[in-house]
N, C-alpha and C. Protein backbone atom coordinates (compact mmCIF):
# COMPACT_ATOMS: atom_id res chain seq x y z
N UNK A 1 0.97 -1.19 -0.03
CA UNK A 1 -0.02 0.04 -0.07
C UNK A 1 0.94 1.30 -0.07
N UNK A 2 0.42 2.27 -0.78
CA UNK A 2 1.05 3.44 -0.73
C UNK A 2 0.90 4.28 0.50
N UNK A 3 1.59 5.30 0.56
CA UNK A 3 1.47 6.24 1.72
C UNK A 3 0.11 6.96 1.82
N UNK A 4 -0.41 7.27 0.51
CA UNK A 4 -1.68 7.93 0.49
C UNK A 4 -2.82 6.94 1.06
N UNK A 5 -2.72 5.76 0.71
CA UNK A 5 -3.69 4.69 1.10
C UNK A 5 -3.52 4.52 2.68
N UNK A 6 -2.51 4.52 3.26
CA UNK A 6 -2.18 4.39 4.62
C UNK A 6 -2.72 5.71 5.27
N UNK A 7 -2.64 6.75 4.76
CA UNK A 7 -3.23 8.10 5.23
C UNK A 7 -4.84 7.97 5.35
N UNK A 8 -5.33 7.63 4.22
CA UNK A 8 -6.81 7.35 4.12
C UNK A 8 -7.22 6.46 5.13
N UNK A 9 -6.63 5.35 5.14
CA UNK A 9 -6.74 4.13 6.05
C UNK A 9 -6.74 4.68 7.52
N UNK A 10 -5.76 5.49 7.78
CA UNK A 10 -5.65 6.05 9.16
C UNK A 10 -6.78 6.96 9.49
N UNK A 11 -7.07 7.79 8.54
CA UNK A 11 -8.18 8.73 8.83
C UNK A 11 -9.54 8.05 9.16
N UNK A 12 -9.91 7.10 8.45
CA UNK A 12 -11.13 6.38 8.58
C UNK A 12 -11.08 5.65 9.99
N UNK A 13 -9.96 4.93 10.28
CA UNK A 13 -9.75 4.24 11.60
C UNK A 13 -9.80 5.32 12.68
N UNK A 14 -9.04 6.39 12.66
CA UNK A 14 -9.12 7.43 13.63
C UNK A 14 -10.51 8.01 13.79
N UNK A 15 -11.26 8.36 12.71
CA UNK A 15 -12.61 8.79 12.76
C UNK A 15 -13.54 7.82 13.50
N UNK A 16 -13.35 6.51 13.11
CA UNK A 16 -14.26 5.64 13.86
C UNK A 16 -13.83 5.50 15.33
N UNK A 17 -12.51 5.56 15.58
CA UNK A 17 -12.21 5.56 17.16
C UNK A 17 -12.85 6.73 17.94
N UNK A 18 -12.75 7.80 17.33
CA UNK A 18 -13.31 9.04 17.88
C UNK A 18 -15.01 8.89 17.97
N UNK A 19 -15.51 8.16 17.08
CA UNK A 19 -17.05 7.96 17.24
C UNK A 19 -17.23 7.01 18.34
N UNK A 20 -16.45 6.05 18.51
CA UNK A 20 -16.51 4.97 19.60
C UNK A 20 -16.29 5.72 20.89
N UNK A 21 -15.23 6.41 21.00
CA UNK A 21 -15.02 7.26 22.22
C UNK A 21 -15.06 8.66 22.11
N UNK A 22 -16.48 9.13 22.13
CA UNK A 22 -16.43 10.58 21.81
C UNK A 22 -15.98 11.56 22.91
N UNK A 23 -15.61 12.68 22.71
CA UNK A 23 -15.11 13.60 23.82
C UNK A 23 -15.24 15.03 23.41
N UNK A 24 -14.78 15.89 24.22
CA UNK A 24 -14.92 17.24 24.08
C UNK A 24 -13.70 17.85 23.30
N UNK A 25 -12.69 17.31 23.41
CA UNK A 25 -11.43 18.01 22.62
C UNK A 25 -11.59 18.12 21.24
N UNK A 26 -11.33 19.37 20.75
CA UNK A 26 -11.41 19.40 19.20
C UNK A 26 -10.13 19.04 18.69
N UNK A 27 -9.97 17.80 18.02
CA UNK A 27 -9.07 17.38 17.35
C UNK A 27 -9.22 17.53 15.87
N UNK A 28 -8.23 17.97 15.07
CA UNK A 28 -8.33 18.21 13.60
C UNK A 28 -8.07 16.94 12.86
N UNK A 29 -8.14 17.22 11.55
CA UNK A 29 -7.99 16.13 10.60
C UNK A 29 -6.59 15.36 10.72
N UNK A 30 -5.61 16.24 11.06
CA UNK A 30 -4.24 15.73 11.03
C UNK A 30 -3.97 14.90 12.24
N UNK A 31 -4.57 15.33 13.35
CA UNK A 31 -4.47 14.48 14.64
C UNK A 31 -5.34 13.17 14.49
N UNK A 32 -6.43 13.33 13.89
CA UNK A 32 -7.11 11.99 13.46
C UNK A 32 -6.46 11.08 12.72
N UNK A 33 -5.74 11.52 11.53
CA UNK A 33 -4.95 10.65 10.81
C UNK A 33 -3.73 10.05 11.58
N UNK A 34 -3.05 10.90 12.28
CA UNK A 34 -1.97 10.28 13.08
C UNK A 34 -2.45 9.39 13.99
N UNK A 35 -3.59 9.52 14.80
CA UNK A 35 -4.30 8.54 15.66
C UNK A 35 -4.48 7.25 14.94
N UNK A 36 -5.11 7.42 13.74
CA UNK A 36 -5.46 6.34 13.12
C UNK A 36 -4.23 5.41 12.53
N UNK A 37 -3.20 6.08 11.93
CA UNK A 37 -2.05 5.43 11.47
C UNK A 37 -1.12 4.79 12.67
N UNK A 38 -0.94 5.54 13.80
CA UNK A 38 -0.41 4.95 14.95
C UNK A 38 -1.26 3.66 15.49
N UNK A 39 -2.54 3.82 15.55
CA UNK A 39 -3.51 2.82 15.92
C UNK A 39 -3.37 1.64 15.10
N UNK A 40 -3.02 1.93 13.74
CA UNK A 40 -3.00 0.67 12.95
C UNK A 40 -1.59 -0.08 13.23
N UNK A 41 -0.67 0.72 13.53
CA UNK A 41 0.62 -0.01 14.04
C UNK A 41 0.32 -0.80 15.35
N UNK A 42 -0.22 -0.04 16.27
CA UNK A 42 -0.55 -0.69 17.62
C UNK A 42 -1.46 -1.96 17.47
N UNK A 43 -2.63 -1.73 16.73
CA UNK A 43 -3.52 -3.02 16.38
C UNK A 43 -2.67 -3.97 15.71
N UNK A 44 -1.99 -3.83 14.87
CA UNK A 44 -1.27 -4.86 14.13
C UNK A 44 -0.24 -5.53 15.10
N UNK A 45 0.35 -4.82 15.91
CA UNK A 45 1.34 -5.44 16.94
C UNK A 45 0.50 -6.29 17.86
N UNK A 46 -0.72 -5.81 18.46
CA UNK A 46 -1.47 -6.51 19.41
C UNK A 46 -1.93 -7.92 18.60
N UNK A 47 -2.46 -7.68 17.36
CA UNK A 47 -2.94 -8.88 16.65
C UNK A 47 -1.98 -9.85 16.50
N UNK A 48 -0.74 -9.44 16.06
CA UNK A 48 0.38 -10.41 15.76
C UNK A 48 0.89 -10.99 17.15
N UNK A 49 0.82 -10.36 18.27
CA UNK A 49 1.13 -11.01 19.52
C UNK A 49 0.06 -12.05 20.02
N UNK A 50 -1.27 -11.65 19.67
CA UNK A 50 -2.26 -12.62 20.01
C UNK A 50 -2.41 -13.86 19.02
N UNK A 51 -1.61 -13.79 17.97
CA UNK A 51 -1.50 -14.95 17.00
C UNK A 51 -2.63 -14.81 15.91
N UNK A 52 -3.00 -13.77 15.70
CA UNK A 52 -4.04 -13.46 14.58
C UNK A 52 -3.55 -13.37 13.26
N UNK A 53 -2.21 -13.39 13.10
CA UNK A 53 -1.51 -13.20 11.82
C UNK A 53 -0.97 -11.87 11.75
N UNK A 54 -0.29 -11.68 10.67
CA UNK A 54 0.28 -10.32 10.30
C UNK A 54 -0.57 -9.52 9.45
N UNK A 55 -0.39 -8.26 9.84
CA UNK A 55 -1.17 -7.20 8.93
C UNK A 55 -0.50 -6.88 7.70
N UNK A 56 -1.08 -7.38 6.58
CA UNK A 56 -0.07 -7.19 5.27
C UNK A 56 -0.83 -6.43 4.38
N UNK A 57 -2.06 -5.82 4.54
CA UNK A 57 -2.69 -5.00 3.52
C UNK A 57 -4.16 -4.61 4.07
N UNK A 58 -4.88 -4.06 3.19
CA UNK A 58 -6.09 -3.46 3.53
C UNK A 58 -7.08 -4.64 3.41
N UNK A 59 -7.59 -5.03 4.49
CA UNK A 59 -8.77 -5.98 4.53
C UNK A 59 -9.65 -5.77 5.91
N UNK A 60 -10.67 -6.44 6.05
CA UNK A 60 -11.49 -6.15 7.27
C UNK A 60 -10.80 -6.44 8.41
N UNK A 61 -9.96 -7.62 8.62
CA UNK A 61 -9.25 -7.92 9.72
C UNK A 61 -8.31 -6.80 10.12
N UNK A 62 -7.51 -6.20 9.11
CA UNK A 62 -6.58 -5.21 9.25
C UNK A 62 -7.32 -3.91 9.75
N UNK A 63 -8.38 -3.63 9.24
CA UNK A 63 -9.29 -2.42 9.51
C UNK A 63 -9.81 -2.48 10.92
N UNK A 64 -10.19 -3.52 11.36
CA UNK A 64 -10.75 -3.87 12.77
C UNK A 64 -9.54 -3.64 13.74
N UNK A 65 -8.48 -4.28 13.35
CA UNK A 65 -7.24 -3.97 14.14
C UNK A 65 -6.77 -2.60 14.46
N UNK A 66 -6.96 -1.95 13.29
CA UNK A 66 -6.52 -0.52 13.28
C UNK A 66 -7.43 0.18 14.26
N UNK A 67 -8.67 0.13 14.12
CA UNK A 67 -9.82 0.66 14.81
C UNK A 67 -9.44 0.41 16.35
N UNK A 68 -9.35 -0.74 16.72
CA UNK A 68 -9.03 -1.30 18.12
C UNK A 68 -7.83 -0.45 18.57
N UNK A 69 -6.63 -0.48 17.76
CA UNK A 69 -5.41 0.22 18.08
C UNK A 69 -5.67 1.70 18.34
N UNK A 70 -6.42 2.40 17.49
CA UNK A 70 -6.87 3.76 17.47
C UNK A 70 -7.80 3.92 18.88
N UNK A 71 -8.51 3.28 19.19
CA UNK A 71 -9.33 3.23 20.39
C UNK A 71 -8.41 3.27 21.67
N UNK A 72 -7.43 2.28 21.62
CA UNK A 72 -6.53 2.01 22.68
C UNK A 72 -5.65 3.32 22.90
N UNK A 73 -5.14 3.96 21.62
CA UNK A 73 -4.34 5.10 21.89
C UNK A 73 -5.11 6.41 22.21
N UNK A 74 -6.42 6.47 21.77
CA UNK A 74 -7.17 7.58 22.19
C UNK A 74 -7.53 7.58 23.52
N UNK A 75 -7.87 6.25 24.22
CA UNK A 75 -8.11 6.08 25.55
C UNK A 75 -6.73 6.41 26.50
N UNK A 76 -5.57 6.06 25.89
CA UNK A 76 -4.32 6.48 26.58
C UNK A 76 -4.11 7.91 26.55
N UNK A 77 -4.32 8.60 25.38
CA UNK A 77 -4.20 9.92 25.20
C UNK A 77 -5.13 10.73 26.32
N UNK A 78 -6.30 10.39 26.28
CA UNK A 78 -7.20 11.09 27.21
C UNK A 78 -6.99 10.81 28.69
N UNK A 79 -6.44 9.55 29.06
CA UNK A 79 -5.98 9.44 30.47
C UNK A 79 -4.74 10.17 30.87
N UNK A 80 -4.00 10.42 29.83
CA UNK A 80 -2.61 11.23 30.09
C UNK A 80 -2.97 12.68 30.18
N UNK A 81 -3.94 13.15 29.38
CA UNK A 81 -4.37 14.55 29.41
C UNK A 81 -5.11 14.88 30.60
N UNK A 82 -5.93 13.77 31.02
CA UNK A 82 -6.60 14.03 32.41
C UNK A 82 -8.05 14.30 32.11
């Protein structure tokens, strides 16, 4: 996947994570993309450690792991911010 694909993938995953954990903080599109892309990395790592296989491209399992990772990161970010 190209970098543009990962950015779009991250934007969608980050937006879904923000819908799952709504909050008051106004985060822009750039933060949502970063949250989603980093969430993809975290979700892929978690999935690999649990034996669910490696994340190799864009499919439903990869997308689910990305959203889970983004939700985890969003929860950590909110806990750190207070």
